[in-house]
């Protein structure tokens, strides 16, 4: 981890019950929590993880797993109805990593709708989570003004998806070990200091 990079993790129900006090004690500074998927699925651990992260003194953020084929406006509204992000929370995240049976242009339109709906509701640009290989196949460069959380493993630095010039968060491992989490967990770093990290909160 380079100087100035701030460590964190992201979890879903796959990690089971997490001891957030132990996670905080291990040096992690923030955690992204899976909240919703599609238009009706709430992560089974969200109701426990969301307050748990905050109680442990970590910054918390919530992400929505985009379900191709489901109405993007309804997906955004569903996410907002479940999460209700507030002051001090990290900006909401759109996790876009699968095409389903949709075309690239349909996916891009859906991303635009989801991001626009959430941005209108919270007054800030949400974070986009994606992998460079997947993203570049969409053939778009129009989202580069949104904060970027990039996923790429086994490299010294991630490739930058089309449209961006740098990354904010980097998910660099999906097989990490952190106190308080049983089994593997995704590891992340934020590129910048504490002040810059705070600028990505509501």
C-alpha atoms as a PDB file:
ATOM      1  CA  UNK A   1       0.000   0.000   0.000  1.00  0.00           C
ATOM      2  CA  UNK A   2       1.441   3.353  -1.036  1.00  0.00           C
ATOM      3  CA  UNK A   3       1.853   6.307   1.296  1.00  0.00           C
ATOM      4  CA  UNK A   4      -1.364   8.277   1.696  1.00  0.00           C
ATOM      5  CA  UNK A   5      -3.594   5.354   0.723  1.00  0.00           C
ATOM      6  CA  UNK A   6      -6.320   4.557   3.240  1.00  0.00           C
ATOM      7  CA  UNK A   7      -7.434   0.924   3.716  1.00  0.00           C
ATOM      8  CA  UNK A   8     -10.988  -0.381   3.843  1.00  0.00           C
ATOM      9  CA  UNK A   9     -13.109  -3.398   2.975  1.00  0.00           C
ATOM     10  CA  UNK A  10     -16.412  -4.163   1.288  1.00  0.00           C
ATOM     11  CA  UNK A  11     -18.830  -6.892   2.309  1.00  0.00           C
ATOM     12  CA  UNK A  12     -22.125  -8.563   1.528  1.00  0.00           C
ATOM     13  CA  UNK A  13     -24.025 -11.441   3.106  1.00  0.00           C
ATOM     14  CA  UNK A  14     -21.305 -13.765   1.835  1.00  0.00           C
ATOM     15  CA  UNK A  15     -19.136 -12.642   4.767  1.00  0.00           C
ATOM     16  CA  UNK A  16     -21.813 -13.642   7.278  1.00  0.00           C
ATOM     17  CA  UNK A  17     -21.709 -11.926  10.671  1.00  0.00           C
ATOM     18  CA  UNK A  18     -18.879  -9.395  10.884  1.00  0.00           C
ATOM     19  CA  UNK A  19     -17.336  -8.094  14.118  1.00  0.00           C
ATOM     20  CA  UNK A  20     -17.042  -4.453  13.126  1.00  0.00           C
ATOM     21  CA  UNK A  21     -15.202  -3.510  16.302  1.00  0.00           C
ATOM     22  CA  UNK A  22     -12.476  -5.981  15.333  1.00  0.00           C
ATOM     23  CA  UNK A  23     -12.426  -4.640  11.772  1.00  0.00           C
ATOM     24  CA  UNK A  24     -11.948  -1.128  13.136  1.00  0.00           C
ATOM     25  CA  UNK A  25      -9.218  -2.382  15.448  1.00  0.00           C
ATOM     26  CA  UNK A  26      -7.369  -3.940  12.507  1.00  0.00           C
ATOM     27  CA  UNK A  27      -6.749  -0.516  10.979  1.00  0.00           C
ATOM     28  CA  UNK A  28      -9.543  -0.356   8.427  1.00  0.00           C
ATOM     29  CA  UNK A  29     -11.006   3.141   8.006  1.00  0.00           C
ATOM     30  CA  UNK A  30     -14.209   2.502   6.051  1.00  0.00           C
ATOM     31  CA  UNK A  31     -16.463  -0.232   4.734  1.00  0.00           C
ATOM     32  CA  UNK A  32     -18.779  -0.460   1.765  1.00  0.00           C
ATOM     33  CA  UNK A  33     -21.857  -2.593   2.428  1.00  0.00           C
ATOM     34  CA  UNK A  34     -24.044  -4.295  -0.141  1.00  0.00           C
ATOM     35  CA  UNK A  35     -27.547  -2.907   0.279  1.00  0.00           C
ATOM     36  CA  UNK A  36     -29.690  -3.843  -2.691  1.00  0.00           C
ATOM     37  CA  UNK A  37     -29.828  -5.649  -6.015  1.00  0.00           C
ATOM     38  CA  UNK A  38     -32.326  -5.114  -8.791  1.00  0.00           C
ATOM     39  CA  UNK A  39     -35.753  -3.797  -7.768  1.00  0.00           C
ATOM     40  CA  UNK A  40     -36.625  -6.041  -4.833  1.00  0.00           C
ATOM     41  CA  UNK A  41     -33.598  -7.767  -3.258  1.00  0.00           C
ATOM     42  CA  UNK A  42     -32.145  -6.445   0.013  1.00  0.00           C
ATOM     43  CA  UNK A  43     -28.875  -8.006   1.165  1.00  0.00           C
ATOM     44  CA  UNK A  44     -29.731 -10.204   4.191  1.00  0.00           C
ATOM     45  CA  UNK A  45     -26.922  -8.707   6.301  1.00  0.00           C
ATOM     46  CA  UNK A  46     -27.503  -5.057   5.421  1.00  0.00           C
ATOM     47  CA  UNK A  47     -29.775  -4.297   8.371  1.00  0.00           C
ATOM     48  CA  UNK A  48     -27.040  -5.507  10.739  1.00  0.00           C
ATOM     49  CA  UNK A  49     -23.967  -4.248   8.864  1.00  0.00           C
ATOM     50  CA  UNK A  50     -25.171  -0.700   8.194  1.00  0.00           C
ATOM     51  CA  UNK A  51     -25.532   0.401  11.844  1.00  0.00           C
ATOM     52  CA  UNK A  52     -22.682  -1.891  12.908  1.00  0.00           C
ATOM     53  CA  UNK A  53     -20.110  -0.118  10.769  1.00  0.00           C
ATOM     54  CA  UNK A  54     -21.134   3.265  12.140  1.00  0.00           C
ATOM     55  CA  UNK A  55     -21.156   2.052  15.748  1.00  0.00           C
ATOM     56  CA  UNK A  56     -17.571   0.835  15.322  1.00  0.00           C
ATOM     57  CA  UNK A  57     -16.471   4.296  14.270  1.00  0.00           C
ATOM     58  CA  UNK A  58     -15.814   3.442  10.631  1.00  0.00           C
ATOM     59  CA  UNK A  59     -16.979   5.452   7.653  1.00  0.00           C
ATOM     60  CA  UNK A  60     -19.744   3.546   5.905  1.00  0.00           C
ATOM     61  CA  UNK A  61     -20.990   3.463   2.349  1.00  0.00           C
ATOM     62  CA  UNK A  62     -23.718   1.422   0.645  1.00  0.00           C
ATOM     63  CA  UNK A  63     -23.720  -0.077  -2.822  1.00  0.00           C
ATOM     64  CA  UNK A  64     -26.389  -1.246  -5.232  1.00  0.00           C
ATOM     65  CA  UNK A  65     -25.711  -4.203  -7.513  1.00  0.00           C
ATOM     66  CA  UNK A  66     -27.141  -3.231 -10.894  1.00  0.00           C
ATOM     67  CA  UNK A  67     -29.408  -5.874 -12.379  1.00  0.00           C
ATOM     68  CA  UNK A  68     -29.551  -5.575 -16.182  1.00  0.00           C
ATOM     69  CA  UNK A  69     -33.107  -5.875 -17.454  1.00  0.00           C
ATOM     70  CA  UNK A  70     -34.691  -4.385 -14.324  1.00  0.00           C
ATOM     71  CA  UNK A  71     -35.978  -0.826 -14.664  1.00  0.00           C
ATOM     72  CA  UNK A  72     -33.046   1.476 -13.721  1.00  0.00           C
ATOM     73  CA  UNK A  73     -35.298   4.191 -12.281  1.00  0.00           C
ATOM     74  CA  UNK A  74     -37.023   1.648 -10.052  1.00  0.00           C
ATOM     75  CA  UNK A  75     -33.630   0.219  -9.042  1.00  0.00           C
ATOM     76  CA  UNK A  76     -32.455   3.667  -7.944  1.00  0.00           C
ATOM     77  CA  UNK A  77     -35.653   4.420  -6.045  1.00  0.00           C
ATOM     78  CA  UNK A  78     -35.530   1.015  -4.361  1.00  0.00           C
ATOM     79  CA  UNK A  79     -31.939   1.605  -3.248  1.00  0.00           C
ATOM     80  CA  UNK A  80     -32.835   5.012  -1.806  1.00  0.00           C
ATOM     81  CA  UNK A  81     -35.848   3.590   0.027  1.00  0.00           C
ATOM     82  CA  UNK A  82     -33.645   1.004   1.742  1.00  0.00           C
ATOM     83  CA  UNK A  83     -30.499   2.989   2.490  1.00  0.00           C
ATOM     84  CA  UNK A  84     -31.464   6.627   3.170  1.00  0.00           C
ATOM     85  CA  UNK A  85     -27.796   7.756   3.239  1.00  0.00           C
ATOM     86  CA  UNK A  86     -27.182  10.625   5.634  1.00  0.00           C
ATOM     87  CA  UNK A  87     -24.598  13.159   6.758  1.00  0.00           C
ATOM     88  CA  UNK A  88     -21.171  11.582   7.182  1.00  0.00           C
ATOM     89  CA  UNK A  89     -21.931   8.542   5.038  1.00  0.00           C
ATOM     90  CA  UNK A  90     -19.798   7.826   1.992  1.00  0.00           C
ATOM     91  CA  UNK A  91     -21.449   8.563  -1.328  1.00  0.00           C
ATOM     92  CA  UNK A  92     -23.708   5.773  -2.643  1.00  0.00           C
ATOM     93  CA  UNK A  93     -22.179   3.326  -5.101  1.00  0.00           C
ATOM     94  CA  UNK A  94     -23.509   1.787  -8.310  1.00  0.00           C
ATOM     95  CA  UNK A  95     -21.886  -1.634  -8.782  1.00  0.00           C
ATOM     96  CA  UNK A  96     -21.963  -2.342 -12.507  1.00  0.00           C
ATOM     97  CA  UNK A  97     -20.254  -5.554 -13.574  1.00  0.00           C
ATOM     98  CA  UNK A  98     -22.640  -7.667 -15.635  1.00  0.00           C
ATOM     99  CA  UNK A  99     -24.379  -7.235 -18.987  1.00  0.00           C
ATOM    100  CA  UNK A 100     -27.109  -9.813 -18.607  1.00  0.00           C
ATOM    101  CA  UNK A 101     -28.784 -10.057 -21.997  1.00  0.00           C
ATOM    102  CA  UNK A 102     -28.688  -6.314 -22.642  1.00  0.00           C
ATOM    103  CA  UNK A 103     -26.712  -4.436 -25.257  1.00  0.00           C
ATOM    104  CA  UNK A 104     -23.941  -2.030 -24.310  1.00  0.00           C
ATOM    105  CA  UNK A 105     -26.115   0.959 -25.206  1.00  0.00           C
ATOM    106  CA  UNK A 106     -28.952  -0.319 -22.999  1.00  0.00           C
ATOM    107  CA  UNK A 107     -26.548  -0.741 -20.082  1.00  0.00           C
ATOM    108  CA  UNK A 108     -25.153   2.770 -20.597  1.00  0.00           C
ATOM    109  CA  UNK A 109     -28.660   4.258 -20.662  1.00  0.00           C
ATOM    110  CA  UNK A 110     -29.513   2.378 -17.480  1.00  0.00           C
ATOM    111  CA  UNK A 111     -26.366   3.597 -15.721  1.00  0.00           C
ATOM    112  CA  UNK A 112     -27.210   7.153 -16.714  1.00  0.00           C
ATOM    113  CA  UNK A 113     -30.739   6.822 -15.323  1.00  0.00           C
ATOM    114  CA  UNK A 114     -29.659   5.246 -12.022  1.00  0.00           C
ATOM    115  CA  UNK A 115     -26.890   7.746 -11.387  1.00  0.00           C
ATOM    116  CA  UNK A 116     -29.088  10.689 -12.336  1.00  0.00           C
ATOM    117  CA  UNK A 117     -31.940   9.562 -10.091  1.00  0.00           C
ATOM    118  CA  UNK A 118     -29.702   9.088  -7.059  1.00  0.00           C
ATOM    119  CA  UNK A 119     -27.797  12.301  -7.731  1.00  0.00           C
ATOM    120  CA  UNK A 120     -31.040  14.261  -7.857  1.00  0.00           C
ATOM    121  CA  UNK A 121     -32.099  12.770  -4.524  1.00  0.00           C
ATOM    122  CA  UNK A 122     -28.870  13.379  -2.588  1.00  0.00           C
ATOM    123  CA  UNK A 123     -27.429  16.384  -4.386  1.00  0.00           C
ATOM    124  CA  UNK A 124     -24.079  14.681  -5.051  1.00  0.00           C
ATOM    125  CA  UNK A 125     -22.628  12.465  -7.771  1.00  0.00           C
ATOM    126  CA  UNK A 126     -22.630   8.779  -6.733  1.00  0.00           C
ATOM    127  CA  UNK A 127     -19.565   6.542  -7.036  1.00  0.00           C
ATOM    128  CA  UNK A 128     -19.233   4.096  -9.944  1.00  0.00           C
ATOM    129  CA  UNK A 129     -17.764   0.648  -9.180  1.00  0.00           C
ATOM    130  CA  UNK A 130     -16.581  -1.371 -12.152  1.00  0.00           C
ATOM    131  CA  UNK A 131     -13.730  -3.370 -13.666  1.00  0.00           C
ATOM    132  CA  UNK A 132     -11.753  -1.903 -16.573  1.00  0.00           C
ATOM    133  CA  UNK A 133     -12.226  -4.881 -18.863  1.00  0.00           C
ATOM    134  CA  UNK A 134     -15.985  -4.937 -18.414  1.00  0.00           C
ATOM    135  CA  UNK A 135     -16.353  -1.174 -18.604  1.00  0.00           C
ATOM    136  CA  UNK A 136     -14.292  -0.661 -21.737  1.00  0.00           C
ATOM    137  CA  UNK A 137     -16.536  -3.104 -23.598  1.00  0.00           C
ATOM    138  CA  UNK A 138     -19.428  -0.683 -23.061  1.00  0.00           C
ATOM    139  CA  UNK A 139     -17.775   1.804 -25.405  1.00  0.00           C
ATOM    140  CA  UNK A 140     -18.589   4.898 -23.365  1.00  0.00           C
ATOM    141  CA  UNK A 141     -16.491   7.696 -21.894  1.00  0.00           C
ATOM    142  CA  UNK A 142     -19.312   9.829 -20.539  1.00  0.00           C
ATOM    143  CA  UNK A 143     -19.106   9.085 -16.806  1.00  0.00           C
ATOM    144  CA  UNK A 144     -15.611  10.342 -16.037  1.00  0.00           C
ATOM    145  CA  UNK A 145     -16.843  13.101 -13.711  1.00  0.00           C
ATOM    146  CA  UNK A 146     -18.216  10.536 -11.246  1.00  0.00           C
ATOM    147  CA  UNK A 147     -15.934   9.235  -8.482  1.00  0.00           C
ATOM    148  CA  UNK A 148     -14.418   5.898  -9.524  1.00  0.00           C
ATOM    149  CA  UNK A 149     -14.019   2.683  -7.541  1.00  0.00           C
ATOM    150  CA  UNK A 150     -12.106   0.310  -9.796  1.00  0.00           C
ATOM    151  CA  UNK A 151     -11.686  -3.448  -9.342  1.00  0.00           C
ATOM    152  CA  UNK A 152      -8.582  -5.192 -10.617  1.00  0.00           C
ATOM    153  CA  UNK A 153      -6.526  -7.885  -8.876  1.00  0.00           C
ATOM    154  CA  UNK A 154      -2.951  -9.081  -9.141  1.00  0.00           C
ATOM    155  CA  UNK A 155      -1.537  -5.840 -10.532  1.00  0.00           C
ATOM    156  CA  UNK A 156       0.668  -3.127  -9.057  1.00  0.00           C
ATOM    157  CA  UNK A 157      -1.760  -0.448 -10.239  1.00  0.00           C
ATOM    158  CA  UNK A 158      -5.200  -0.753 -11.823  1.00  0.00           C
ATOM    159  CA  UNK A 159      -5.978   0.176 -15.403  1.00  0.00           C
ATOM    160  CA  UNK A 160      -8.164   3.269 -15.677  1.00  0.00           C
ATOM    161  CA  UNK A 161     -11.527   2.620 -17.363  1.00  0.00           C
ATOM    162  CA  UNK A 162     -12.418   4.755 -20.376  1.00  0.00           C
ATOM    163  CA  UNK A 163     -13.552   8.260 -19.500  1.00  0.00           C
ATOM    164  CA  UNK A 164     -11.606   8.636 -16.243  1.00  0.00           C
ATOM    165  CA  UNK A 165      -8.094   9.926 -15.642  1.00  0.00           C
ATOM    166  CA  UNK A 166      -7.584   8.477 -12.159  1.00  0.00           C
ATOM    167  CA  UNK A 167      -9.274   6.307  -9.527  1.00  0.00           C
ATOM    168  CA  UNK A 168     -10.536   7.142  -6.044  1.00  0.00           C
ATOM    169  CA  UNK A 169     -10.982   3.651  -4.588  1.00  0.00           C
ATOM    170  CA  UNK A 170      -9.263   0.482  -5.788  1.00  0.00           C
ATOM    171  CA  UNK A 171     -10.499  -2.988  -4.900  1.00  0.00           C
ATOM    172  CA  UNK A 172      -7.186  -4.801  -5.229  1.00  0.00           C
ATOM    173  CA  UNK A 173      -7.999  -8.208  -3.712  1.00  0.00           C
ATOM    174  CA  UNK A 174     -11.006 -10.485  -3.270  1.00  0.00           C
ATOM    175  CA  UNK A 175      -9.128 -12.912  -1.022  1.00  0.00           C
ATOM    176  CA  UNK A 176      -8.094 -10.661   1.852  1.00  0.00           C
ATOM    177  CA  UNK A 177      -7.965 -11.604   5.519  1.00  0.00           C
ATOM    178  CA  UNK A 178      -9.121  -9.081   8.118  1.00  0.00           C
ATOM    179  CA  UNK A 179      -9.741  -9.548  11.838  1.00  0.00           C
ATOM    180  CA  UNK A 180     -13.469  -9.741  12.526  1.00  0.00           C
ATOM    181  CA  UNK A 181     -14.335 -11.303   9.158  1.00  0.00           C
ATOM    182  CA  UNK A 182     -14.435 -15.080   8.766  1.00  0.00           C
ATOM    183  CA  UNK A 183     -13.138 -16.220   5.397  1.00  0.00           C
ATOM    184  CA  UNK A 184     -12.045 -14.052   2.497  1.00  0.00           C
ATOM    185  CA  UNK A 185     -13.011 -10.415   2.112  1.00  0.00           C
ATOM    186  CA  UNK A 186     -12.485  -7.757  -0.550  1.00  0.00           C
ATOM    187  CA  UNK A 187      -9.689  -5.300   0.236  1.00  0.00           C
ATOM    188  CA  UNK A 188      -9.752  -1.678  -0.903  1.00  0.00           C
ATOM    189  CA  UNK A 189      -7.611   1.425  -0.747  1.00  0.00           C
ATOM    190  CA  UNK A 190      -8.543   5.073  -1.109  1.00  0.00           C
ATOM    191  CA  UNK A 191      -6.073   7.183  -3.048  1.00  0.00           C
ATOM    192  CA  UNK A 192      -5.644  10.310  -0.944  1.00  0.00           C
ATOM    193  CA  UNK A 193      -5.586  11.470   2.643  1.00  0.00           C
ATOM    194  CA  UNK A 194      -8.298  11.746   5.274  1.00  0.00           C
ATOM    195  CA  UNK A 195      -9.444  15.157   4.072  1.00  0.00           C
ATOM    196  CA  UNK A 196      -9.939  13.892   0.533  1.00  0.00           C
ATOM    197  CA  UNK A 197     -11.819  10.876   1.844  1.00  0.00           C
ATOM    198  CA  UNK A 198     -14.143  13.125   3.834  1.00  0.00           C
ATOM    199  CA  UNK A 199     -14.905  15.020   0.652  1.00  0.00           C
ATOM    200  CA  UNK A 200     -16.553  11.846  -0.663  1.00  0.00           C
ATOM    201  CA  UNK A 201     -19.061  11.820   2.226  1.00  0.00           C
ATOM    202  CA  UNK A 202     -22.451  13.480   2.401  1.00  0.00           C
END
